[in-house]
Amino acid sequence: MLHKIDFHIPPPNDEHVSFFWDDKTGDITGESAAFIKESAACAIDDGFIICEAINGTIPATDPLNNKTEFSALVGLDNLQNELKKYYPSKLSEGYEEFSPDTPTQTLVTF
């Protein structure tokens, strides 16, 4: 299924993000496709995705082809209603709780 995702990143970035995601193929197209692909590549390199809504991280293996990882990458508040059910929970496989004192690598988050 093709999903159109639109959201705004507040200042200081102050950026509009708009793209299409095909959940069957993992293809990303549209105005912000390069940004989303780069964010997914960073998550894979780091090995995790920060999930602020659940105060932790989940492993990142293939965010563009995994609904849970994709939902975490985009962020709960930026998802369409039909994708919100895929956002990870504290019971998700590989979930790790973090605190501000936990050292983590920098990751693009929305």
PDB file of N, CA and C in Angstrom:
ATOM      1  N   MET A   1       0.846  -1.172   0.000  1.00  0.00           N
ATOM      2  CA  MET A   1       0.000   0.000   0.000  1.00  0.00           C
ATOM      3  C   MET A   1       0.898   1.245   0.000  1.00  0.00           C
ATOM      4  N   LEU A   2       0.494   2.240  -0.740  1.00  0.00           N
ATOM      5  CA  LEU A   2       1.235   3.490  -0.817  1.00  0.00           C
ATOM      6  C   LEU A   2       0.695   4.468   0.224  1.00  0.00           C
ATOM      7  N   HIS A   3       1.584   5.004   1.040  1.00  0.00           N
ATOM      8  CA  HIS A   3       1.211   5.955   2.095  1.00  0.00           C
ATOM      9  C   HIS A   3       1.837   7.307   1.792  1.00  0.00           C
ATOM     10  N   LYS A   4       1.051   8.358   1.882  1.00  0.00           N
ATOM     11  CA  LYS A   4       1.574   9.717   1.744  1.00  0.00           C
ATOM     12  C   LYS A   4       1.812  10.254   3.149  1.00  0.00           C
ATOM     13  N   ILE A   5       3.029  10.669   3.417  1.00  0.00           N
ATOM     14  CA  ILE A   5       3.409  11.177   4.726  1.00  0.00           C
ATOM     15  C   ILE A   5       3.788  12.647   4.573  1.00  0.00           C
ATOM     16  N   ASP A   6       3.184  13.488   5.380  1.00  0.00           N
ATOM     17  CA  ASP A   6       3.471  14.927   5.405  1.00  0.00           C
ATOM     18  C   ASP A   6       3.565  15.370   6.851  1.00  0.00           C
ATOM     19  N   PHE A   7       4.625  16.102   7.189  1.00  0.00           N
ATOM     20  CA  PHE A   7       4.712  16.696   8.509  1.00  0.00           C
ATOM     21  C   PHE A   7       5.710  17.839   8.482  1.00  0.00           C
ATOM     22  N   HIS A   8       5.742  18.575   9.550  1.00  0.00           N
ATOM     23  CA  HIS A   8       6.617  19.731   9.658  1.00  0.00           C
ATOM     24  C   HIS A   8       7.583  19.519  10.812  1.00  0.00           C
ATOM     25  N   ILE A   9       8.865  19.745  10.553  1.00  0.00           N
ATOM     26  CA  ILE A   9       9.879  19.711  11.608  1.00  0.00           C
ATOM     27  C   ILE A   9       9.988  21.138  12.132  1.00  0.00           C
ATOM     28  N   PRO A  10       9.754  21.334  13.417  1.00  0.00           N
ATOM     29  CA  PRO A  10       9.775  22.695  13.973  1.00  0.00           C
ATOM     30  C   PRO A  10      11.174  23.303  13.999  1.00  0.00           C
ATOM     31  N   PRO A  11      11.253  24.608  14.242  1.00  0.00           N
ATOM     32  CA  PRO A  11      12.554  25.272  14.352  1.00  0.00           C
ATOM     33  C   PRO A  11      13.414  24.582  15.415  1.00  0.00           C
ATOM     34  N   PRO A  12      14.697  24.542  15.265  1.00  0.00           N
ATOM     35  CA  PRO A  12      15.478  25.385  14.357  1.00  0.00           C
ATOM     36  C   PRO A  12      15.534  24.859  12.922  1.00  0.00           C
ATOM     37  N   ASN A  13      15.173  23.587  12.680  1.00  0.00           N
ATOM     38  CA  ASN A  13      15.230  23.059  11.310  1.00  0.00           C
ATOM     39  C   ASN A  13      14.153  23.673  10.424  1.00  0.00           C
ATOM     40  N   ASP A  14      12.951  23.852  10.976  1.00  0.00           N
ATOM     41  CA  ASP A  14      11.836  24.495  10.290  1.00  0.00           C
ATOM     42  C   ASP A  14      11.705  23.993   8.849  1.00  0.00           C
ATOM     43  N   GLU A  15      11.373  22.721   8.729  1.00  0.00           N
ATOM     44  CA  GLU A  15      11.371  22.066   7.426  1.00  0.00           C
ATOM     45  C   GLU A  15      10.077  21.276   7.226  1.00  0.00           C
ATOM     46  N   HIS A  16       9.534  21.324   6.012  1.00  0.00           N
ATOM     47  CA  HIS A  16       8.370  20.519   5.658  1.00  0.00           C
ATOM     48  C   HIS A  16       8.884  19.214   5.047  1.00  0.00           C
ATOM     49  N   VAL A  17       8.333  18.101   5.507  1.00  0.00           N
ATOM     50  CA  VAL A  17       8.725  16.784   5.003  1.00  0.00           C
ATOM     51  C   VAL A  17       7.513  16.165   4.320  1.00  0.00           C
ATOM     52  N   SER A  18       7.706  15.737   3.078  1.00  0.00           N
ATOM     53  CA  SER A  18       6.610  15.158   2.299  1.00  0.00           C
ATOM     54  C   SER A  18       7.166  14.049   1.404  1.00  0.00           C
ATOM     55  N   PHE A  19       6.585  12.858   1.504  1.00  0.00           N
ATOM     56  CA  PHE A  19       7.056  11.738   0.688  1.00  0.00           C
ATOM     57  C   PHE A  19       5.989  10.655   0.635  1.00  0.00           C
ATOM     58  N   PHE A  20       6.201   9.700  -0.253  1.00  0.00           N
ATOM     59  CA  PHE A  20       5.347   8.523  -0.362  1.00  0.00           C
ATOM     60  C   PHE A  20       6.177   7.307   0.024  1.00  0.00           C
ATOM     61  N   TRP A  21       5.564   6.397   0.771  1.00  0.00           N
ATOM     62  CA  TRP A  21       6.229   5.152   1.161  1.00  0.00           C
ATOM     63  C   TRP A  21       5.361   3.987   0.725  1.00  0.00           C
ATOM     64  N   ASP A  22       5.928   3.055  -0.025  1.00  0.00           N
ATOM     65  CA  ASP A  22       5.246   1.833  -0.435  1.00  0.00           C
ATOM     66  C   ASP A  22       5.634   0.744   0.559  1.00  0.00           C
ATOM     67  N   ASP A  23       4.683   0.343   1.399  1.00  0.00           N
ATOM     68  CA  ASP A  23       5.017  -0.620   2.452  1.00  0.00           C
ATOM     69  C   ASP A  23       5.250  -2.035   1.925  1.00  0.00           C
ATOM     70  N   LYS A  24       4.951  -2.282   0.666  1.00  0.00           N
ATOM     71  CA  LYS A  24       5.198  -3.604   0.078  1.00  0.00           C
ATOM     72  C   LYS A  24       6.613  -3.706  -0.495  1.00  0.00           C
ATOM     73  N   THR A  25       7.111  -2.596  -1.054  1.00  0.00           N
ATOM     74  CA  THR A  25       8.418  -2.623  -1.714  1.00  0.00           C
ATOM     75  C   THR A  25       9.494  -1.863  -0.949  1.00  0.00           C
ATOM     76  N   GLY A  26       9.093  -0.991  -0.031  1.00  0.00           N
ATOM     77  CA  GLY A  26      10.038  -0.154   0.692  1.00  0.00           C
ATOM     78  C   GLY A  26      10.462   1.079  -0.082  1.00  0.00           C
ATOM     79  N   ASP A  27       9.883   1.286  -1.259  1.00  0.00           N
ATOM     80  CA  ASP A  27      10.253   2.445  -2.077  1.00  0.00           C
ATOM     81  C   ASP A  27       9.786   3.740  -1.439  1.00  0.00           C
ATOM     82  N   ILE A  28      10.661   4.732  -1.487  1.00  0.00           N
ATOM     83  CA  ILE A  28      10.375   6.083  -1.008  1.00  0.00           C
ATOM     84  C   ILE A  28      10.484   7.012  -2.209  1.00  0.00           C
ATOM     85  N   THR A  29       9.447   7.809  -2.444  1.00  0.00           N
ATOM     86  CA  THR A  29       9.465   8.774  -3.537  1.00  0.00           C
ATOM     87  C   THR A  29       8.925  10.101  -3.030  1.00  0.00           C
ATOM     88  N   GLY A  30       9.135  11.124  -3.805  1.00  0.00           N
ATOM     89  CA  GLY A  30       8.586  12.426  -3.452  1.00  0.00           C
ATOM     90  C   GLY A  30       9.650  13.413  -3.033  1.00  0.00           C
ATOM     91  N   GLU A  31       9.169  14.579  -2.672  1.00  0.00           N
ATOM     92  CA  GLU A  31       9.997  15.743  -2.354  1.00  0.00           C
ATOM     93  C   GLU A  31      11.088  15.476  -1.314  1.00  0.00           C
ATOM     94  N   SER A  32      10.774  14.712  -0.275  1.00  0.00           N
ATOM     95  CA  SER A  32      11.720  14.480   0.824  1.00  0.00           C
ATOM     96  C   SER A  32      12.309  13.074   0.812  1.00  0.00           C
ATOM     97  N   ALA A  33      12.254  12.396  -0.334  1.00  0.00           N
ATOM     98  CA  ALA A  33      12.723  11.007  -0.422  1.00  0.00           C
ATOM     99  C   ALA A  33      14.179  10.865   0.011  1.00  0.00           C
ATOM    100  N   ALA A  34      15.041  11.742  -0.459  1.00  0.00           N
ATOM    101  CA  ALA A  34      16.468  11.631  -0.121  1.00  0.00           C
ATOM    102  C   ALA A  34      16.690  11.764   1.387  1.00  0.00           C
ATOM    103  N   PHE A  35      15.963  12.679   2.021  1.00  0.00           N
ATOM    104  CA  PHE A  35      16.079  12.888   3.467  1.00  0.00           C
ATOM    105  C   PHE A  35      15.676  11.634   4.241  1.00  0.00           C
ATOM    106  N   ILE A  36      14.573  11.006   3.841  1.00  0.00           N
ATOM    107  CA  ILE A  36      14.081   9.804   4.533  1.00  0.00           C
ATOM    108  C   ILE A  36      15.046   8.636   4.306  1.00  0.00           C
ATOM    109  N   LYS A  37      15.527   8.485   3.080  1.00  0.00           N
ATOM    110  CA  LYS A  37      16.480   7.407   2.798  1.00  0.00           C
ATOM    111  C   LYS A  37      17.768   7.592   3.599  1.00  0.00           C
ATOM    112  N   GLU A  38      18.234   8.827   3.703  1.00  0.00           N
ATOM    113  CA  GLU A  38      19.428   9.114   4.496  1.00  0.00           C
ATOM    114  C   GLU A  38      19.188   8.822   5.977  1.00  0.00           C
ATOM    115  N   SER A  39      18.016   9.171   6.475  1.00  0.00           N
ATOM    116  CA  SER A  39      17.673   8.895   7.875  1.00  0.00           C
ATOM    117  C   SER A  39      17.642   7.392   8.141  1.00  0.00           C
ATOM    118  N   ALA A  40      17.078   6.630   7.198  1.00  0.00           N
ATOM    119  CA  ALA A  40      17.036   5.173   7.339  1.00  0.00           C
ATOM    120  C   ALA A  40      18.450   4.589   7.323  1.00  0.00           C
ATOM    121  N   ALA A  41      19.299   5.090   6.432  1.00  0.00           N
ATOM    122  CA  ALA A  41      20.683   4.604   6.356  1.00  0.00           C
ATOM    123  C   ALA A  41      21.442   4.911   7.647  1.00  0.00           C
ATOM    124  N   CYS A  42      21.223   6.102   8.215  1.00  0.00           N
ATOM    125  CA  CYS A  42      21.857   6.462   9.493  1.00  0.00           C
ATOM    126  C   CYS A  42      21.398   5.523  10.608  1.00  0.00           C
ATOM    127  N   ALA A  43      20.114   5.215  10.622  1.00  0.00           N
ATOM    128  CA  ALA A  43      19.587   4.315  11.651  1.00  0.00           C
ATOM    129  C   ALA A  43      20.223   2.929  11.537  1.00  0.00           C
ATOM    130  N   ILE A  44      20.356   2.438  10.308  1.00  0.00           N
ATOM    131  CA  ILE A  44      20.989   1.127  10.109  1.00  0.00           C
ATOM    132  C   ILE A  44      22.443   1.176  10.558  1.00  0.00           C
ATOM    133  N   ASP A  45      23.144   2.226  10.184  1.00  0.00           N
ATOM    134  CA  ASP A  45      24.545   2.366  10.600  1.00  0.00           C
ATOM    135  C   ASP A  45      24.682   2.404  12.118  1.00  0.00           C
ATOM    136  N   ASP A  46      23.766   3.134  12.773  1.00  0.00           N
ATOM    137  CA  ASP A  46      23.797   3.232  14.238  1.00  0.00           C
ATOM    138  C   ASP A  46      23.324   1.943  14.907  1.00  0.00           C
ATOM    139  N   GLY A  47      22.466   1.200  14.211  1.00  0.00           N
ATOM    140  CA  GLY A  47      21.955  -0.058  14.753  1.00  0.00           C
ATOM    141  C   GLY A  47      20.699   0.095  15.587  1.00  0.00           C
ATOM    142  N   PHE A  48      20.161   1.313  15.678  1.00  0.00           N
ATOM    143  CA  PHE A  48      18.957   1.526  16.482  1.00  0.00           C
ATOM    144  C   PHE A  48      18.190   2.751  15.983  1.00  0.00           C
ATOM    145  N   ILE A  49      16.940   2.826  16.420  1.00  0.00           N
ATOM    146  CA  ILE A  49      16.085   3.981  16.144  1.00  0.00           C
ATOM    147  C   ILE A  49      15.579   4.494  17.482  1.00  0.00           C
ATOM    148  N   ILE A  50      15.729   5.775  17.704  1.00  0.00           N
ATOM    149  CA  ILE A  50      15.217   6.396  18.929  1.00  0.00           C
ATOM    150  C   ILE A  50      13.698   6.519  18.832  1.00  0.00           C
ATOM    151  N   CYS A  51      13.020   6.061  19.880  1.00  0.00           N
ATOM    152  CA  CYS A  51      11.556   6.125  19.953  1.00  0.00           C
ATOM    153  C   CYS A  51      11.191   6.970  21.171  1.00  0.00           C
ATOM    154  N   GLU A  52      11.091   8.268  20.968  1.00  0.00           N
ATOM    155  CA  GLU A  52      10.835   9.165  22.088  1.00  0.00           C
ATOM    156  C   GLU A  52       9.520   8.868  22.789  1.00  0.00           C
ATOM    157  N   ALA A  53       8.510   8.452  22.043  1.00  0.00           N
ATOM    158  CA  ALA A  53       7.195   8.208  22.634  1.00  0.00           C
ATOM    159  C   ALA A  53       7.201   7.060  23.647  1.00  0.00           C
ATOM    160  N   ILE A  54       8.191   6.181  23.570  1.00  0.00           N
ATOM    161  CA  ILE A  54       8.280   5.073  24.530  1.00  0.00           C
ATOM    162  C   ILE A  54       9.586   5.115  25.319  1.00  0.00           C
ATOM    163  N   ASN A  55      10.291   6.243  25.228  1.00  0.00           N
ATOM    164  CA  ASN A  55      11.502   6.468  26.024  1.00  0.00           C
ATOM    165  C   ASN A  55      12.536   5.366  25.845  1.00  0.00           C
ATOM    166  N   GLY A  56      12.842   5.052  24.580  1.00  0.00           N
ATOM    167  CA  GLY A  56      13.829   4.017  24.346  1.00  0.00           C
ATOM    168  C   GLY A  56      14.198   3.887  22.892  1.00  0.00           C
ATOM    169  N   THR A  57      14.827   2.766  22.578  1.00  0.00           N
ATOM    170  CA  THR A  57      15.246   2.486  21.210  1.00  0.00           C
ATOM    171  C   THR A  57      14.790   1.095  20.809  1.00  0.00           C
ATOM    172  N   ILE A  58      14.727   0.896  19.481  1.00  0.00           N
ATOM    173  CA  ILE A  58      14.521  -0.442  18.932  1.00  0.00           C
ATOM    174  C   ILE A  58      15.650  -0.672  17.925  1.00  0.00           C
ATOM    175  N   PRO A  59      15.981  -1.932  17.658  1.00  0.00           N
ATOM    176  CA  PRO A  59      17.016  -2.210  16.661  1.00  0.00           C
ATOM    177  C   PRO A  59      16.582  -1.724  15.271  1.00  0.00           C
ATOM    178  N   ALA A  60      17.541  -1.270  14.489  1.00  0.00           N
ATOM    179  CA  ALA A  60      17.286  -0.855  13.108  1.00  0.00           C
ATOM    180  C   ALA A  60      18.012  -1.812  12.176  1.00  0.00           C
ATOM    181  N   THR A  61      17.251  -2.562  11.415  1.00  0.00           N
ATOM    182  CA  THR A  61      17.841  -3.488  10.458  1.00  0.00           C
ATOM    183  C   THR A  61      17.434  -3.149   9.024  1.00  0.00           C
ATOM    184  N   ASP A  62      16.179  -2.715   8.845  1.00  0.00           N
ATOM    185  CA  ASP A  62      15.670  -2.406   7.499  1.00  0.00           C
ATOM    186  C   ASP A  62      14.428  -1.517   7.607  1.00  0.00           C
ATOM    187  N   PRO A  63      14.603  -0.263   8.036  1.00  0.00           N
ATOM    188  CA  PRO A  63      13.449   0.599   8.313  1.00  0.00           C
ATOM    189  C   PRO A  63      12.508   0.851   7.145  1.00  0.00           C
ATOM    190  N   LEU A  64      12.992   0.733   5.929  1.00  0.00           N
ATOM    191  CA  LEU A  64      12.113   1.013   4.792  1.00  0.00           C
ATOM    192  C   LEU A  64      11.278  -0.199   4.393  1.00  0.00           C
ATOM    193  N   ASN A  65      11.616  -1.359   4.946  1.00  0.00           N
ATOM    194  CA  ASN A  65      10.867  -2.579   4.625  1.00  0.00           C
ATOM    195  C   ASN A  65      10.239  -3.246   5.842  1.00  0.00           C
ATOM    196  N   ASN A  66      10.229  -2.551   6.954  1.00  0.00           N
ATOM    197  CA  ASN A  66       9.663  -3.080   8.193  1.00  0.00           C
ATOM    198  C   ASN A  66       8.731  -2.012   8.772  1.00  0.00           C
ATOM    199  N   LYS A  67       7.464  -2.329   8.902  1.00  0.00           N
ATOM    200  CA  LYS A  67       6.481  -1.328   9.333  1.00  0.00           C
ATOM    201  C   LYS A  67       6.772  -0.772  10.725  1.00  0.00           C
ATOM    202  N   THR A  68       7.237  -1.616  11.626  1.00  0.00           N
ATOM    203  CA  THR A  68       7.538  -1.140  12.978  1.00  0.00           C
ATOM    204  C   THR A  68       8.728  -0.191  12.951  1.00  0.00           C
ATOM    205  N   GLU A  69       9.784  -0.577  12.268  1.00  0.00           N
ATOM    206  CA  GLU A  69      10.967   0.283  12.185  1.00  0.00           C
ATOM    207  C   GLU A  69      10.659   1.576  11.435  1.00  0.00           C
ATOM    208  N   PHE A  70       9.877   1.479  10.360  1.00  0.00           N
ATOM    209  CA  PHE A  70       9.513   2.680   9.610  1.00  0.00           C
ATOM    210  C   PHE A  70       8.709   3.632  10.492  1.00  0.00           C
ATOM    211  N   SER A  71       7.763   3.094  11.229  1.00  0.00           N
ATOM    212  CA  SER A  71       6.938   3.920  12.114  1.00  0.00           C
ATOM    213  C   SER A  71       7.781   4.607  13.177  1.00  0.00           C
ATOM    214  N   ALA A  72       8.758   3.894  13.701  1.00  0.00           N
ATOM    215  CA  ALA A  72       9.664   4.488  14.691  1.00  0.00           C
ATOM    216  C   ALA A  72      10.506   5.590  14.051  1.00  0.00           C
ATOM    217  N   LEU A  73      10.988   5.343  12.843  1.00  0.00           N
ATOM    218  CA  LEU A  73      11.821   6.318  12.140  1.00  0.00           C
ATOM    219  C   LEU A  73      11.066   7.625  11.894  1.00  0.00           C
ATOM    220  N   VAL A  74       9.824   7.518  11.476  1.00  0.00           N
ATOM    221  CA  VAL A  74       9.020   8.702  11.165  1.00  0.00           C
ATOM    222  C   VAL A  74       8.537   9.390  12.437  1.00  0.00           C
ATOM    223  N   GLY A  75       8.222   8.627  13.457  1.00  0.00           N
ATOM    224  CA  GLY A  75       7.743   9.194  14.720  1.00  0.00           C
ATOM    225  C   GLY A  75       6.238   9.099  14.849  1.00  0.00           C
ATOM    226  N   LEU A  76       5.787   8.743  16.012  1.00  0.00           N
ATOM    227  CA  LEU A  76       4.372   8.501  16.268  1.00  0.00           C
ATOM    228  C   LEU A  76       3.483   9.671  15.860  1.00  0.00           C
ATOM    229  N   ASP A  77       3.856  10.874  16.203  1.00  0.00           N
ATOM    230  CA  ASP A  77       3.022  12.041  15.902  1.00  0.00           C
ATOM    231  C   ASP A  77       2.947  12.363  14.419  1.00  0.00           C
ATOM    232  N   ASN A  78       3.838  11.796  13.617  1.00  0.00           N
ATOM    233  CA  ASN A  78       3.880  12.106  12.192  1.00  0.00           C
ATOM    234  C   ASN A  78       3.237  11.036  11.321  1.00  0.00           C
ATOM    235  N   LEU A  79       2.743   9.974  11.939  1.00  0.00           N
ATOM    236  CA  LEU A  79       2.173   8.854  11.194  1.00  0.00           C
ATOM    237  C   LEU A  79       0.699   9.052  10.871  1.00  0.00           C
ATOM    238  N   GLN A  80       0.283   8.474   9.756  1.00  0.00           N
ATOM    239  CA  GLN A  80      -1.137   8.385   9.443  1.00  0.00           C
ATOM    240  C   GLN A  80      -1.760   7.406  10.437  1.00  0.00           C
ATOM    241  N   ASN A  81      -3.044   7.551  10.673  1.00  0.00           N
ATOM    242  CA  ASN A  81      -3.720   6.687  11.649  1.00  0.00           C
ATOM    243  C   ASN A  81      -3.524   5.202  11.371  1.00  0.00           C
ATOM    244  N   GLU A  82      -3.565   4.796  10.094  1.00  0.00           N
ATOM    245  CA  GLU A  82      -3.458   3.363   9.791  1.00  0.00           C
ATOM    246  C   GLU A  82      -2.060   2.808  10.071  1.00  0.00           C
ATOM    247  N   LEU A  83      -1.063   3.670  10.240  1.00  0.00           N
ATOM    248  CA  LEU A  83       0.292   3.198  10.558  1.00  0.00           C
ATOM    249  C   LEU A  83       0.615   3.270  12.048  1.00  0.00           C
ATOM    250  N   LYS A  84      -0.169   4.007  12.814  1.00  0.00           N
ATOM    251  CA  LYS A  84       0.129   4.173  14.244  1.00  0.00           C
ATOM    252  C   LYS A  84       0.148   2.850  15.007  1.00  0.00           C
ATOM    253  N   LYS A  85      -0.613   1.876  14.558  1.00  0.00           N
ATOM    254  CA  LYS A  85      -0.649   0.575  15.249  1.00  0.00           C
ATOM    255  C   LYS A  85       0.683  -0.169  15.140  1.00  0.00           C
ATOM    256  N   TYR A  86       1.530   0.241  14.205  1.00  0.00           N
ATOM    257  CA  TYR A  86       2.830  -0.403  14.029  1.00  0.00           C
ATOM    258  C   TYR A  86       3.932   0.251  14.853  1.00  0.00           C
ATOM    259  N   TYR A  87       3.638   1.412  15.455  1.00  0.00           N
ATOM    260  CA  TYR A  87       4.655   2.077  16.263  1.00  0.00           C
ATOM    261  C   TYR A  87       5.062   1.138  17.404  1.00  0.00           C
ATOM    262  N   PRO A  88       6.351   1.017  17.671  1.00  0.00           N
ATOM    263  CA  PRO A  88       6.799   0.063  18.697  1.00  0.00           C
ATOM    264  C   PRO A  88       6.287   0.391  20.104  1.00  0.00           C
ATOM    265  N   SER A  89       6.272  -0.631  20.917  1.00  0.00           N
ATOM    266  CA  SER A  89       5.927  -0.473  22.332  1.00  0.00           C
ATOM    267  C   SER A  89       7.118  -0.955  23.154  1.00  0.00           C
ATOM    268  N   LYS A  90       7.006  -0.812  24.459  1.00  0.00           N
ATOM    269  CA  LYS A  90       8.069  -1.289  25.340  1.00  0.00           C
ATOM    270  C   LYS A  90       8.180  -2.816  25.312  1.00  0.00           C
ATOM    271  N   LEU A  91       7.200  -3.478  24.710  1.00  0.00           N
ATOM    272  CA  LEU A  91       7.232  -4.934  24.579  1.00  0.00           C
ATOM    273  C   LEU A  91       7.809  -5.379  23.239  1.00  0.00           C
ATOM    274  N   SER A  92       8.164  -4.419  22.380  1.00  0.00           N
ATOM    275  CA  SER A  92       8.724  -4.757  21.064  1.00  0.00           C
ATOM    276  C   SER A  92      10.066  -5.462  21.214  1.00  0.00           C
ATOM    277  N   GLU A  93      10.309  -6.395  20.305  1.00  0.00           N
ATOM    278  CA  GLU A  93      11.564  -7.135  20.331  1.00  0.00           C
ATOM    279  C   GLU A  93      12.751  -6.176  20.221  1.00  0.00           C
ATOM    280  N   GLY A  94      13.703  -6.325  21.129  1.00  0.00           N
ATOM    281  CA  GLY A  94      14.911  -5.515  21.105  1.00  0.00           C
ATOM    282  C   GLY A  94      14.782  -4.151  21.755  1.00  0.00           C
ATOM    283  N   TYR A  95      13.596  -3.835  22.309  1.00  0.00           N
ATOM    284  CA  TYR A  95      13.406  -2.530  22.950  1.00  0.00           C
ATOM    285  C   TYR A  95      14.391  -2.368  24.102  1.00  0.00           C
ATOM    286  N   GLU A  96      15.011  -1.182  24.163  1.00  0.00           N
ATOM    287  CA  GLU A  96      15.879  -0.833  25.286  1.00  0.00           C
ATOM    288  C   GLU A  96      15.507   0.552  25.776  1.00  0.00           C
ATOM    289  N   GLU A  97      15.242   0.650  27.066  1.00  0.00           N
ATOM    290  CA  GLU A  97      14.910   1.946  27.654  1.00  0.00           C
ATOM    291  C   GLU A  97      16.175   2.793  27.760  1.00  0.00           C
ATOM    292  N   PHE A  98      16.024   4.091  27.551  1.00  0.00           N
ATOM    293  CA  PHE A  98      17.174   4.973  27.707  1.00  0.00           C
ATOM    294  C   PHE A  98      16.849   6.095  28.662  1.00  0.00           C
ATOM    295  N   SER A  99      17.922   6.728  29.108  1.00  0.00           N
ATOM    296  CA  SER A  99      17.786   7.911  29.944  1.00  0.00           C
ATOM    297  C   SER A  99      18.695   8.973  29.347  1.00  0.00           C
ATOM    298  N   PRO A 100      18.557  10.211  29.761  1.00  0.00           N
ATOM    299  CA  PRO A 100      19.438  11.254  29.222  1.00  0.00           C
ATOM    300  C   PRO A 100      20.920  10.984  29.482  1.00  0.00           C
ATOM    301  N   ASP A 101      21.218  10.147  30.468  1.00  0.00           N
ATOM    302  CA  ASP A 101      22.608   9.832  30.789  1.00  0.00           C
ATOM    303  C   ASP A 101      23.178   8.702  29.934  1.00  0.00           C
ATOM    304  N   THR A 102      22.318   7.999  29.198  1.00  0.00           N
ATOM    305  CA  THR A 102      22.770   6.893  28.376  1.00  0.00           C
ATOM    306  C   THR A 102      23.487   7.430  27.147  1.00  0.00           C
ATOM    307  N   PRO A 103      24.742   7.029  26.939  1.00  0.00           N
ATOM    308  CA  PRO A 103      25.440   7.516  25.738  1.00  0.00           C
ATOM    309  C   PRO A 103      24.839   6.885  24.483  1.00  0.00           C
ATOM    310  N   THR A 104      24.493   7.704  23.510  1.00  0.00           N
ATOM    311  CA  THR A 104      23.985   7.221  22.236  1.00  0.00           C
ATOM    312  C   THR A 104      24.630   8.022  21.119  1.00  0.00           C
ATOM    313  N   GLN A 105      24.594   7.461  19.949  1.00  0.00           N
ATOM    314  CA  GLN A 105      25.100   8.171  18.785  1.00  0.00           C
ATOM    315  C   GLN A 105      24.016   9.144  18.318  1.00  0.00           C
ATOM    316  N   THR A 106      24.426  10.163  17.599  1.00  0.00           N
ATOM    317  CA  THR A 106      23.479  11.123  17.070  1.00  0.00           C
ATOM    318  C   THR A 106      22.675  10.476  15.962  1.00  0.00           C
ATOM    319  N   LEU A 107      21.375  10.651  15.992  1.00  0.00           N
ATOM    320  CA  LEU A 107      20.482  10.087  14.998  1.00  0.00           C
ATOM    321  C   LEU A 107      19.460  11.131  14.618  1.00  0.00           C
ATOM    322  N   VAL A 108      19.164  11.216  13.344  1.00  0.00           N
ATOM    323  CA  VAL A 108      18.135  12.152  12.907  1.00  0.00           C
ATOM    324  C   VAL A 108      16.808  11.677  13.450  1.00  0.00           C
ATOM    325  N   THR A 109      16.125  12.522  14.183  1.00  0.00           N
ATOM    326  CA  THR A 109      14.782  12.194  14.659  1.00  0.00           C
ATOM    327  C   THR A 109      13.857  13.321  14.239  1.00  0.00           C
ATOM    328  N   PHE A 110      12.605  13.014  14.136  1.00  0.00           N
ATOM    329  CA  PHE A 110      11.621  13.991  13.674  1.00  0.00           C
ATOM    330  C   PHE A 110      10.790  14.474  14.825  1.00  0.00           C
TER     331      PHE A 110
END
